[in-house]
């Protein structure tokens, strides 16, 4: 009885590993074969530097520093 459960658990584990490998193979083959929208958008987002948020915050910081310097000169 114990050995039957052990054999069944081992067979299920092997089937699970094979199924996961087949799914990963299908995903990798589909990604390499065709250029879908989500892969191109992911590639674009990774290749672009993060210009938007960092440059806006740096511009705001420059303006604040300049305003403080002008305020110092007036006093």
C-alpha atoms as a PDB file:
ATOM      1  CA  UNK A   1       0.000   0.000   0.000  1.00  0.00           C
ATOM      2  CA  UNK A   2       2.795   2.379   0.914  1.00  0.00           C
ATOM      3  CA  UNK A   3       4.826   1.557  -2.182  1.00  0.00           C
ATOM      4  CA  UNK A   4       1.789   2.139  -4.436  1.00  0.00           C
ATOM      5  CA  UNK A   5       1.325   5.627  -3.003  1.00  0.00           C
ATOM      6  CA  UNK A   6       5.015   6.339  -3.396  1.00  0.00           C
ATOM      7  CA  UNK A   7       5.031   5.185  -7.024  1.00  0.00           C
ATOM      8  CA  UNK A   8       1.895   7.238  -7.728  1.00  0.00           C
ATOM      9  CA  UNK A   9       3.488  10.330  -6.149  1.00  0.00           C
ATOM     10  CA  UNK A  10       6.678   9.877  -8.182  1.00  0.00           C
ATOM     11  CA  UNK A  11       4.721   9.416 -11.433  1.00  0.00           C
ATOM     12  CA  UNK A  12       2.597  12.510 -10.722  1.00  0.00           C
ATOM     13  CA  UNK A  13       5.728  14.513  -9.944  1.00  0.00           C
ATOM     14  CA  UNK A  14       7.365  13.431 -13.212  1.00  0.00           C
ATOM     15  CA  UNK A  15       4.208  14.234 -15.187  1.00  0.00           C
ATOM     16  CA  UNK A  16       4.042  17.647 -13.531  1.00  0.00           C
ATOM     17  CA  UNK A  17       7.681  18.420 -14.384  1.00  0.00           C
ATOM     18  CA  UNK A  18       7.186  17.317 -18.011  1.00  0.00           C
ATOM     19  CA  UNK A  19       4.019  19.448 -18.323  1.00  0.00           C
ATOM     20  CA  UNK A  20       5.791  22.506 -16.913  1.00  0.00           C
ATOM     21  CA  UNK A  21       8.713  21.987 -19.298  1.00  0.00           C
ATOM     22  CA  UNK A  22       6.360  21.697 -22.281  1.00  0.00           C
ATOM     23  CA  UNK A  23       4.548  24.878 -21.272  1.00  0.00           C
ATOM     24  CA  UNK A  24       7.829  26.780 -20.887  1.00  0.00           C
ATOM     25  CA  UNK A  25       9.022  25.463 -24.251  1.00  0.00           C
ATOM     26  CA  UNK A  26       5.793  26.643 -25.907  1.00  0.00           C
ATOM     27  CA  UNK A  27       6.089  30.082 -24.305  1.00  0.00           C
ATOM     28  CA  UNK A  28       9.739  30.466 -25.323  1.00  0.00           C
ATOM     29  CA  UNK A  29       9.073  29.262 -28.864  1.00  0.00           C
ATOM     30  CA  UNK A  30       6.121  31.619 -29.246  1.00  0.00           C
ATOM     31  CA  UNK A  31       8.158  34.556 -27.969  1.00  0.00           C
ATOM     32  CA  UNK A  32      11.068  33.785 -30.295  1.00  0.00           C
ATOM     33  CA  UNK A  33       8.918  33.005 -33.307  1.00  0.00           C
ATOM     34  CA  UNK A  34       6.512  35.886 -33.434  1.00  0.00           C
ATOM     35  CA  UNK A  35       6.733  39.493 -32.388  1.00  0.00           C
ATOM     36  CA  UNK A  36       3.611  40.100 -30.382  1.00  0.00           C
ATOM     37  CA  UNK A  37       2.461  43.433 -29.016  1.00  0.00           C
ATOM     38  CA  UNK A  38       3.384  42.821 -25.398  1.00  0.00           C
ATOM     39  CA  UNK A  39       6.950  41.773 -26.206  1.00  0.00           C
ATOM     40  CA  UNK A  40       7.517  44.823 -28.398  1.00  0.00           C
ATOM     41  CA  UNK A  41       6.079  47.137 -25.765  1.00  0.00           C
ATOM     42  CA  UNK A  42       8.228  45.483 -23.103  1.00  0.00           C
ATOM     43  CA  UNK A  43      11.306  45.881 -25.293  1.00  0.00           C
ATOM     44  CA  UNK A  44      10.477  49.547 -25.906  1.00  0.00           C
ATOM     45  CA  UNK A  45       9.920  50.281 -22.243  1.00  0.00           C
ATOM     46  CA  UNK A  46      13.192  48.624 -21.250  1.00  0.00           C
ATOM     47  CA  UNK A  47      15.229  50.357 -23.940  1.00  0.00           C
ATOM     48  CA  UNK A  48      13.984  53.875 -23.159  1.00  0.00           C
ATOM     49  CA  UNK A  49      15.638  55.698 -20.309  1.00  0.00           C
ATOM     50  CA  UNK A  50      13.340  56.957 -17.622  1.00  0.00           C
ATOM     51  CA  UNK A  51      13.249  60.493 -18.963  1.00  0.00           C
ATOM     52  CA  UNK A  52       9.816  61.643 -17.917  1.00  0.00           C
ATOM     53  CA  UNK A  53       9.747  61.527 -14.162  1.00  0.00           C
ATOM     54  CA  UNK A  54      13.425  62.168 -13.458  1.00  0.00           C
ATOM     55  CA  UNK A  55      13.766  65.191 -15.738  1.00  0.00           C
ATOM     56  CA  UNK A  56      10.559  66.742 -14.382  1.00  0.00           C
ATOM     57  CA  UNK A  57      11.709  66.381 -10.803  1.00  0.00           C
ATOM     58  CA  UNK A  58      15.165  67.762 -11.646  1.00  0.00           C
ATOM     59  CA  UNK A  59      13.600  70.772 -13.412  1.00  0.00           C
ATOM     60  CA  UNK A  60      11.437  71.452 -10.381  1.00  0.00           C
ATOM     61  CA  UNK A  61      14.457  71.174  -8.088  1.00  0.00           C
ATOM     62  CA  UNK A  62      16.423  73.627 -10.266  1.00  0.00           C
ATOM     63  CA  UNK A  63      13.553  76.105 -10.138  1.00  0.00           C
ATOM     64  CA  UNK A  64      13.362  75.858  -6.363  1.00  0.00           C
ATOM     65  CA  UNK A  65      17.122  76.343  -5.985  1.00  0.00           C
ATOM     66  CA  UNK A  66      17.012  79.381  -8.277  1.00  0.00           C
ATOM     67  CA  UNK A  67      14.079  80.814  -6.315  1.00  0.00           C
ATOM     68  CA  UNK A  68      16.003  80.342  -3.061  1.00  0.00           C
ATOM     69  CA  UNK A  69      19.101  82.025  -4.522  1.00  0.00           C
ATOM     70  CA  UNK A  70      17.016  84.989  -5.680  1.00  0.00           C
ATOM     71  CA  UNK A  71      15.395  85.187  -2.272  1.00  0.00           C
ATOM     72  CA  UNK A  72      18.870  85.260  -0.643  1.00  0.00           C
ATOM     73  CA  UNK A  73      20.030  88.056  -2.947  1.00  0.00           C
ATOM     74  CA  UNK A  74      17.010  90.201  -2.034  1.00  0.00           C
ATOM     75  CA  UNK A  75      17.759  89.957   1.676  1.00  0.00           C
END
